[in-house]
Protein backbone atom coordinates (compact mmCIF):
# COMPACT_ATOMS: atom_id res chain seq x y z
CA MET A 1 0.36 1.18 14.20
CA VAL A 2 -2.60 0.22 12.05
CA ILE A 3 -2.04 -1.28 8.60
CA SER A 4 -5.00 -1.34 6.21
CA ASP A 5 -6.31 -0.34 2.81
CA THR A 6 -7.04 3.34 2.19
CA HIS A 7 -10.52 3.29 3.71
CA GLU A 8 -11.04 6.85 4.96
CA GLY A 9 -13.03 5.74 8.02
CA ILE A 10 -10.26 3.41 9.19
CA LYS A 11 -7.66 6.12 8.66
CA ALA A 12 -9.69 8.69 10.62
CA ALA A 13 -10.44 6.28 13.48
CA THR A 14 -6.79 5.32 13.71
CA VAL A 15 -5.82 8.89 14.50
CA ARG A 16 -8.91 9.99 16.42
CA VAL A 17 -9.77 6.91 18.50
CA LEU A 18 -6.55 4.95 18.76
CA SER A 19 -4.12 7.90 18.68
CA THR A 20 -1.67 5.92 16.60
CA THR A 21 -0.20 5.97 13.11
CA TRP A 22 -1.58 4.45 9.92
CA GLN A 23 0.27 2.68 7.10
CA ARG A 24 -0.98 1.44 3.73
CA CYS A 25 -1.19 -2.33 3.31
CA ARG A 26 1.49 -3.60 0.95
CA VAL A 27 -0.84 -6.06 -0.79
CA HIS A 28 -3.49 -3.41 -1.43
CA PHE A 29 -0.80 -1.04 -2.72
CA GLN A 30 0.41 -3.65 -5.22
CA ARG A 31 -3.11 -4.48 -6.38
CA ASN A 32 -3.94 -0.81 -6.90
CA ALA A 33 -0.69 -0.21 -8.79
CA LEU A 34 -1.41 -3.13 -11.12
CA THR A 35 -4.81 -1.72 -12.05
CA HIS A 36 -2.96 1.21 -13.66
CA ALA A 37 -0.51 -1.01 -15.58
CA GLY A 38 -1.25 -2.68 -18.87
CA LYS A 39 -1.19 -6.47 -19.00
CA SER A 40 2.19 -6.51 -20.73
CA SER A 41 3.71 -4.20 -18.07
CA ARG A 42 2.51 -5.94 -14.91
CA ARG A 43 5.63 -8.04 -14.36
CA ALA A 44 7.86 -5.00 -14.69
CA VAL A 45 5.70 -2.99 -12.29
CA LEU A 46 5.79 -5.82 -9.74
CA ALA A 47 9.57 -6.02 -10.11
CA PHE A 48 9.94 -2.28 -9.45
CA ILE A 49 7.67 -2.50 -6.40
CA ALA A 50 9.55 -5.53 -5.05
CA THR A 51 12.85 -3.67 -5.47
CA ALA A 52 11.48 -0.67 -3.59
CA PHE A 53 10.22 -2.80 -0.70
CA ALA A 54 13.53 -4.71 -0.53
CA GLN A 55 15.45 -1.52 0.32
CA PRO A 56 16.63 -1.29 3.94
CA ASP A 57 15.42 2.32 4.36
């Protein structure tokens, strides 16, 4: 498994060259989500993301 940001070249090479799966990096996901949230909403967005990642499945 390869974990990275959403760079299209990395994603393509993961499948084509390594023949494995790709997963989005958690830190990059959080950073990207926060760019879409207003300053007053960032703590709430982080709390929702943390709750989602804390789930067992």
